[in-house]
Amino acid sequence: MASAYTHSKLTDVDDSAPQMGVGERQESRFATADLGSAHTGVTHHRFRAGMRQAFGHRHHHEDAEEVYVVLSGSGRLKLDDDILELARLDAVRVSPAVTRAFEAGPDGLEVLAFGPHHEGDGELIPGWWSD
């Protein structure tokens, strides 16, 4: 039987950004496994000042809706053809099929992401947000 709860410090979760080749732009800590979560994905992102994600992403599973919460800093979030300005404690819900990517402002951008976890569901789209 699974434990009734788990506790994990997000800064202790391994940073996956270097293995993804984007360590110079951001930190990304995928905490789902560390928390022992069977259904809820949790990711902590820190985007470096003035940096934009190297790829967009979207999901194909119909219930893979995500919620992003800005913890600190500011920046922008591109959602298909729309761009939102983001500030501390903004929350954004995104439907699965919407392609999205973040860009940090001058003080960086720290974001928590939550949503259902479906192994292998995310589709990465390199160079999606370019001017």
N, C-alpha and C. Protein backbone atom coordinates (compact mmCIF):
# COMPACT_ATOMS: atom_id res chain seq x y z
N MET A 1 0.84 -1.18 0.00
CA MET A 1 0.00 0.00 0.00
C MET A 1 0.88 1.25 0.00
N ALA A 2 0.49 2.26 -0.78
CA ALA A 2 1.25 3.51 -0.86
C ALA A 2 1.12 4.29 0.43
N SER A 3 2.13 5.09 0.70
CA SER A 3 2.12 5.93 1.88
C SER A 3 0.99 6.95 1.79
N ALA A 4 0.49 7.38 2.93
CA ALA A 4 -0.61 8.36 2.96
C ALA A 4 -0.16 9.73 2.47
N TYR A 5 1.14 10.01 2.53
CA TYR A 5 1.66 11.28 2.03
C TYR A 5 3.16 11.16 1.81
N THR A 6 3.70 12.11 1.05
CA THR A 6 5.15 12.23 0.88
C THR A 6 5.52 13.69 1.02
N HIS A 7 6.77 13.93 1.33
CA HIS A 7 7.27 15.29 1.53
C HIS A 7 8.59 15.39 0.78
N SER A 8 8.73 16.44 -0.01
CA SER A 8 9.95 16.64 -0.78
C SER A 8 10.22 18.12 -0.92
N LYS A 9 11.48 18.50 -0.79
CA LYS A 9 11.89 19.89 -1.03
C LYS A 9 12.21 20.01 -2.52
N LEU A 10 11.54 20.93 -3.20
CA LEU A 10 11.70 21.03 -4.65
C LEU A 10 13.14 21.31 -5.08
N THR A 11 13.88 22.04 -4.26
CA THR A 11 15.27 22.33 -4.62
C THR A 11 16.18 21.11 -4.48
N ASP A 12 15.68 20.03 -3.84
CA ASP A 12 16.44 18.78 -3.74
C ASP A 12 16.18 17.85 -4.92
N VAL A 13 15.17 18.13 -5.71
CA VAL A 13 14.86 17.33 -6.90
C VAL A 13 15.91 17.63 -7.97
N ASP A 14 16.37 16.60 -8.67
CA ASP A 14 17.38 16.80 -9.71
C ASP A 14 16.91 17.78 -10.77
N ASP A 15 17.82 18.65 -11.19
CA ASP A 15 17.55 19.60 -12.27
C ASP A 15 17.73 18.86 -13.60
N SER A 16 16.67 18.74 -14.38
CA SER A 16 16.71 18.02 -15.66
C SER A 16 17.14 18.89 -16.82
N ALA A 17 17.20 20.21 -16.64
CA ALA A 17 17.50 21.11 -17.75
C ALA A 17 18.86 20.81 -18.40
N PRO A 18 19.94 20.56 -17.63
CA PRO A 18 21.22 20.27 -18.31
C PRO A 18 21.15 19.04 -19.22
N GLN A 19 20.46 17.98 -18.77
CA GLN A 19 20.34 16.77 -19.60
C GLN A 19 19.50 17.04 -20.85
N MET A 20 18.61 18.03 -20.78
CA MET A 20 17.77 18.38 -21.92
C MET A 20 18.48 19.38 -22.85
N GLY A 21 19.70 19.80 -22.47
CA GLY A 21 20.47 20.74 -23.28
C GLY A 21 20.04 22.19 -23.14
N VAL A 22 19.31 22.52 -22.05
CA VAL A 22 18.83 23.89 -21.87
C VAL A 22 19.24 24.47 -20.52
N GLY A 23 20.29 23.92 -19.92
CA GLY A 23 20.74 24.36 -18.61
C GLY A 23 21.18 25.81 -18.55
N GLU A 24 21.60 26.37 -19.68
CA GLU A 24 22.00 27.78 -19.68
C GLU A 24 20.79 28.72 -19.64
N ARG A 25 19.61 28.20 -19.95
CA ARG A 25 18.39 29.01 -20.00
C ARG A 25 17.52 28.88 -18.75
N GLN A 26 17.56 27.70 -18.11
CA GLN A 26 16.57 27.43 -17.06
C GLN A 26 17.00 26.27 -16.17
N GLU A 27 16.26 26.12 -15.08
CA GLU A 27 16.27 24.91 -14.25
C GLU A 27 14.87 24.32 -14.36
N SER A 28 14.79 23.00 -14.42
CA SER A 28 13.49 22.31 -14.45
C SER A 28 13.58 21.08 -13.56
N ARG A 29 12.78 21.09 -12.52
CA ARG A 29 12.79 20.01 -11.54
C ARG A 29 11.43 19.31 -11.56
N PHE A 30 11.41 18.12 -12.16
CA PHE A 30 10.19 17.33 -12.30
C PHE A 30 10.03 16.48 -11.04
N ALA A 31 9.12 16.90 -10.17
CA ALA A 31 9.02 16.32 -8.82
C ALA A 31 8.04 15.16 -8.69
N THR A 32 7.40 14.76 -9.75
CA THR A 32 6.36 13.73 -9.68
C THR A 32 6.89 12.44 -9.04
N ALA A 33 8.02 11.93 -9.52
CA ALA A 33 8.58 10.68 -8.98
C ALA A 33 9.05 10.88 -7.54
N ASP A 34 9.71 12.01 -7.25
CA ASP A 34 10.19 12.27 -5.89
C ASP A 34 9.04 12.30 -4.89
N LEU A 35 7.89 12.76 -5.34
CA LEU A 35 6.71 12.80 -4.47
C LEU A 35 5.96 11.47 -4.45
N GLY A 36 6.33 10.55 -5.33
CA GLY A 36 5.64 9.27 -5.41
C GLY A 36 4.22 9.43 -5.92
N SER A 37 4.00 10.45 -6.72
CA SER A 37 2.65 10.74 -7.22
C SER A 37 2.28 9.81 -8.38
N ALA A 38 1.12 9.22 -8.29
CA ALA A 38 0.64 8.34 -9.36
C ALA A 38 -0.13 9.10 -10.43
N HIS A 39 -0.70 10.25 -10.09
CA HIS A 39 -1.61 10.92 -11.02
C HIS A 39 -1.33 12.40 -11.26
N THR A 40 -0.60 13.06 -10.37
CA THR A 40 -0.41 14.50 -10.48
C THR A 40 1.05 14.84 -10.78
N GLY A 41 1.25 15.55 -11.89
CA GLY A 41 2.58 16.01 -12.23
C GLY A 41 2.86 17.35 -11.56
N VAL A 42 4.07 17.52 -11.04
CA VAL A 42 4.49 18.76 -10.39
C VAL A 42 5.89 19.09 -10.91
N THR A 43 6.05 20.30 -11.44
CA THR A 43 7.34 20.73 -11.95
C THR A 43 7.65 22.14 -11.46
N HIS A 44 8.90 22.34 -11.07
CA HIS A 44 9.37 23.65 -10.62
C HIS A 44 10.36 24.16 -11.67
N HIS A 45 10.04 25.30 -12.29
CA HIS A 45 10.90 25.90 -13.31
C HIS A 45 11.46 27.22 -12.78
N ARG A 46 12.72 27.46 -13.08
CA ARG A 46 13.34 28.78 -12.89
C ARG A 46 13.97 29.15 -14.23
N PHE A 47 13.42 30.21 -14.84
CA PHE A 47 13.92 30.68 -16.13
C PHE A 47 14.86 31.86 -15.86
N ARG A 48 16.05 31.80 -16.42
CA ARG A 48 17.06 32.84 -16.18
C ARG A 48 16.63 34.15 -16.84
N ALA A 49 17.06 35.25 -16.25
CA ALA A 49 16.68 36.60 -16.69
C ALA A 49 16.84 36.76 -18.20
N GLY A 50 15.78 37.24 -18.84
CA GLY A 50 15.80 37.53 -20.27
C GLY A 50 15.81 36.32 -21.19
N MET A 51 15.72 35.11 -20.62
CA MET A 51 15.81 33.91 -21.45
C MET A 51 14.41 33.39 -21.81
N ARG A 52 14.33 32.84 -23.00
CA ARG A 52 13.11 32.22 -23.51
C ARG A 52 13.36 30.71 -23.61
N GLN A 53 12.32 29.92 -23.34
CA GLN A 53 12.46 28.48 -23.50
C GLN A 53 12.87 28.15 -24.93
N ALA A 54 13.70 27.14 -25.08
CA ALA A 54 14.20 26.74 -26.40
C ALA A 54 13.16 25.97 -27.20
N PHE A 55 12.06 25.60 -26.56
CA PHE A 55 11.02 24.82 -27.22
C PHE A 55 9.67 25.15 -26.61
N GLY A 56 8.64 24.95 -27.42
CA GLY A 56 7.28 24.97 -26.90
C GLY A 56 6.89 23.55 -26.58
N HIS A 57 5.76 23.38 -25.91
CA HIS A 57 5.25 22.02 -25.72
C HIS A 57 3.74 22.04 -25.63
N ARG A 58 3.16 20.88 -25.89
CA ARG A 58 1.71 20.67 -25.79
C ARG A 58 1.49 19.21 -25.43
N HIS A 59 0.24 18.89 -25.14
CA HIS A 59 -0.11 17.53 -24.74
C HIS A 59 -1.20 16.99 -25.66
N HIS A 60 -1.30 15.67 -25.70
CA HIS A 60 -2.30 15.02 -26.54
C HIS A 60 -3.37 14.32 -25.72
N HIS A 61 -3.06 13.97 -24.49
CA HIS A 61 -4.05 13.31 -23.64
C HIS A 61 -5.14 14.32 -23.29
N GLU A 62 -6.41 13.95 -23.45
CA GLU A 62 -7.53 14.90 -23.31
C GLU A 62 -7.68 15.52 -21.93
N ASP A 63 -7.15 14.89 -20.88
CA ASP A 63 -7.28 15.52 -19.55
C ASP A 63 -5.95 16.08 -19.04
N ALA A 64 -4.99 16.33 -19.94
CA ALA A 64 -3.68 16.83 -19.55
C ALA A 64 -3.65 18.36 -19.40
N GLU A 65 -4.71 18.92 -18.85
CA GLU A 65 -4.77 20.35 -18.54
C GLU A 65 -3.69 20.67 -17.50
N GLU A 66 -3.03 21.82 -17.66
CA GLU A 66 -2.00 22.24 -16.70
C GLU A 66 -2.35 23.60 -16.11
N VAL A 67 -1.87 23.82 -14.89
CA VAL A 67 -1.99 25.11 -14.23
C VAL A 67 -0.58 25.56 -13.87
N TYR A 68 -0.26 26.80 -14.22
CA TYR A 68 1.03 27.40 -13.92
C TYR A 68 0.81 28.52 -12.91
N VAL A 69 1.66 28.59 -11.88
CA VAL A 69 1.60 29.64 -10.88
C VAL A 69 2.96 30.31 -10.81
N VAL A 70 2.99 31.64 -10.99
CA VAL A 70 4.23 32.40 -10.91
C VAL A 70 4.56 32.64 -9.44
N LEU A 71 5.73 32.13 -9.01
CA LEU A 71 6.17 32.33 -7.63
C LEU A 71 6.94 33.63 -7.46
N SER A 72 7.76 33.96 -8.44
CA SER A 72 8.54 35.19 -8.36
C SER A 72 8.97 35.62 -9.75
N GLY A 73 9.41 36.87 -9.83
CA GLY A 73 9.85 37.42 -11.10
C GLY A 73 8.69 37.82 -11.98
N SER A 74 9.00 37.96 -13.26
CA SER A 74 7.99 38.33 -14.25
C SER A 74 8.43 37.77 -15.59
N GLY A 75 7.54 37.87 -16.55
CA GLY A 75 7.88 37.39 -17.88
C GLY A 75 6.65 37.30 -18.75
N ARG A 76 6.75 36.44 -19.75
CA ARG A 76 5.64 36.26 -20.68
C ARG A 76 5.42 34.77 -20.91
N LEU A 77 4.20 34.45 -21.31
CA LEU A 77 3.82 33.09 -21.66
C LEU A 77 3.12 33.15 -23.00
N LYS A 78 3.68 32.45 -23.98
CA LYS A 78 3.04 32.39 -25.30
C LYS A 78 2.15 31.17 -25.31
N LEU A 79 0.88 31.37 -25.69
CA LEU A 79 -0.13 30.32 -25.77
C LEU A 79 -0.70 30.35 -27.17
N ASP A 80 -0.28 29.41 -28.03
CA ASP A 80 -0.60 29.44 -29.45
C ASP A 80 -0.21 30.81 -30.01
N ASP A 81 -1.17 31.65 -30.43
CA ASP A 81 -0.83 32.95 -31.01
C ASP A 81 -0.95 34.11 -30.02
N ASP A 82 -1.33 33.83 -28.77
CA ASP A 82 -1.48 34.87 -27.75
C ASP A 82 -0.25 34.93 -26.85
N ILE A 83 0.04 36.12 -26.33
CA ILE A 83 1.13 36.30 -25.38
C ILE A 83 0.58 37.00 -24.15
N LEU A 84 0.77 36.37 -22.98
CA LEU A 84 0.33 36.94 -21.70
C LEU A 84 1.53 37.50 -20.95
N GLU A 85 1.35 38.66 -20.34
CA GLU A 85 2.34 39.20 -19.41
C GLU A 85 2.10 38.54 -18.06
N LEU A 86 3.17 38.12 -17.40
CA LEU A 86 3.06 37.42 -16.12
C LEU A 86 3.77 38.16 -15.01
N ALA A 87 3.19 38.10 -13.81
CA ALA A 87 3.79 38.68 -12.62
C ALA A 87 3.55 37.74 -11.44
N ARG A 88 4.19 38.02 -10.34
CA ARG A 88 4.11 37.20 -9.13
C ARG A 88 2.66 36.87 -8.77
N LEU A 89 2.42 35.61 -8.49
CA LEU A 89 1.14 35.02 -8.08
C LEU A 89 0.07 34.99 -9.17
N ASP A 90 0.44 35.27 -10.42
CA ASP A 90 -0.48 35.01 -11.52
C ASP A 90 -0.63 33.50 -11.66
N ALA A 91 -1.83 33.05 -11.99
CA ALA A 91 -2.09 31.64 -12.26
C ALA A 91 -2.75 31.55 -13.63
N VAL A 92 -2.33 30.57 -14.42
CA VAL A 92 -2.85 30.39 -15.77
C VAL A 92 -3.19 28.90 -15.96
N ARG A 93 -4.41 28.62 -16.40
CA ARG A 93 -4.82 27.26 -16.77
C ARG A 93 -4.70 27.14 -18.28
N VAL A 94 -4.12 26.01 -18.74
CA VAL A 94 -3.90 25.81 -20.17
C VAL A 94 -4.46 24.45 -20.59
N SER A 95 -5.29 24.46 -21.62
CA SER A 95 -5.83 23.22 -22.18
C SER A 95 -4.71 22.41 -22.83
N PRO A 96 -4.88 21.09 -22.90
CA PRO A 96 -3.80 20.22 -23.38
C PRO A 96 -3.22 20.57 -24.75
N ALA A 97 -4.06 20.84 -25.73
CA ALA A 97 -3.59 21.01 -27.11
C ALA A 97 -2.94 22.36 -27.39
N VAL A 98 -3.01 23.30 -26.45
CA VAL A 98 -2.41 24.62 -26.64
C VAL A 98 -0.89 24.51 -26.53
N THR A 99 -0.18 25.01 -27.55
CA THR A 99 1.28 25.04 -27.49
C THR A 99 1.68 26.23 -26.64
N ARG A 100 2.66 25.99 -25.72
CA ARG A 100 3.04 27.04 -24.77
C ARG A 100 4.54 27.06 -24.56
N ALA A 101 5.04 28.26 -24.19
CA ALA A 101 6.45 28.45 -23.83
C ALA A 101 6.56 29.72 -23.00
N PHE A 102 7.57 29.75 -22.11
CA PHE A 102 7.80 30.88 -21.22
C PHE A 102 9.01 31.70 -21.66
N GLU A 103 8.97 32.97 -21.27
CA GLU A 103 10.10 33.88 -21.45
C GLU A 103 10.22 34.69 -20.17
N ALA A 104 11.41 34.71 -19.59
CA ALA A 104 11.65 35.43 -18.33
C ALA A 104 11.90 36.90 -18.57
N GLY A 105 11.46 37.72 -17.62
CA GLY A 105 11.74 39.15 -17.63
C GLY A 105 13.13 39.43 -17.08
N PRO A 106 13.43 40.69 -16.76
CA PRO A 106 14.77 41.08 -16.33
C PRO A 106 15.19 40.50 -14.98
N ASP A 107 14.25 40.06 -14.16
CA ASP A 107 14.59 39.48 -12.86
C ASP A 107 14.41 37.97 -12.84
N GLY A 108 14.24 37.36 -14.00
CA GLY A 108 13.99 35.93 -14.07
C GLY A 108 12.52 35.63 -13.83
N LEU A 109 12.17 34.35 -13.87
CA LEU A 109 10.79 33.91 -13.72
C LEU A 109 10.80 32.54 -13.06
N GLU A 110 10.10 32.41 -11.94
CA GLU A 110 10.00 31.14 -11.21
C GLU A 110 8.54 30.70 -11.24
N VAL A 111 8.31 29.46 -11.72
CA VAL A 111 6.96 28.97 -11.97
C VAL A 111 6.81 27.54 -11.43
N LEU A 112 5.64 27.27 -10.84
CA LEU A 112 5.24 25.90 -10.50
C LEU A 112 4.19 25.46 -11.51
N ALA A 113 4.32 24.23 -11.99
CA ALA A 113 3.36 23.67 -12.93
C ALA A 113 2.72 22.43 -12.30
N PHE A 114 1.39 22.31 -12.45
CA PHE A 114 0.63 21.19 -11.92
C PHE A 114 -0.29 20.65 -13.00
N GLY A 115 -0.49 19.36 -13.02
CA GLY A 115 -1.45 18.77 -13.94
C GLY A 115 -1.43 17.27 -13.84
N PRO A 116 -2.37 16.61 -14.51
CA PRO A 116 -2.38 15.15 -14.52
C PRO A 116 -1.09 14.63 -15.16
N HIS A 117 -0.59 13.52 -14.65
CA HIS A 117 0.65 12.95 -15.18
C HIS A 117 0.32 11.76 -16.08
N HIS A 118 0.75 11.86 -17.35
CA HIS A 118 0.61 10.77 -18.31
C HIS A 118 1.98 10.57 -18.94
N GLU A 119 2.66 9.52 -18.55
CA GLU A 119 4.02 9.25 -19.01
C GLU A 119 4.12 9.34 -20.53
N GLY A 120 5.08 10.15 -21.02
CA GLY A 120 5.34 10.27 -22.44
C GLY A 120 4.34 11.09 -23.24
N ASP A 121 3.44 11.80 -22.56
CA ASP A 121 2.39 12.52 -23.29
C ASP A 121 2.87 13.84 -23.90
N GLY A 122 3.82 14.52 -23.29
CA GLY A 122 4.21 15.84 -23.76
C GLY A 122 4.95 15.80 -25.09
N GLU A 123 4.61 16.73 -25.97
CA GLU A 123 5.29 16.87 -27.26
C GLU A 123 6.11 18.15 -27.22
N LEU A 124 7.43 18.03 -27.43
CA LEU A 124 8.32 19.19 -27.48
C LEU A 124 8.42 19.69 -28.91
N ILE A 125 8.40 21.03 -29.06
CA ILE A 125 8.46 21.65 -30.38
C ILE A 125 9.63 22.65 -30.38
N PRO A 126 10.83 22.19 -30.77
CA PRO A 126 12.02 23.04 -30.74
C PRO A 126 11.85 24.30 -31.58
N GLY A 127 12.35 25.44 -31.04
CA GLY A 127 12.34 26.70 -31.77
C GLY A 127 10.97 27.26 -32.08
N TRP A 128 9.95 26.82 -31.36
CA TRP A 128 8.57 27.20 -31.67
C TRP A 128 8.33 28.70 -31.53
N TRP A 129 8.87 29.34 -30.50
CA TRP A 129 8.64 30.78 -30.28
C TRP A 129 9.88 31.52 -30.76
N SER A 130 9.81 32.04 -31.95
CA SER A 130 10.93 32.82 -32.49
C SER A 130 10.38 34.11 -33.09
N ASP A 131 11.18 35.15 -33.01
CA ASP A 131 10.76 36.46 -33.53
C ASP A 131 11.26 36.65 -34.95
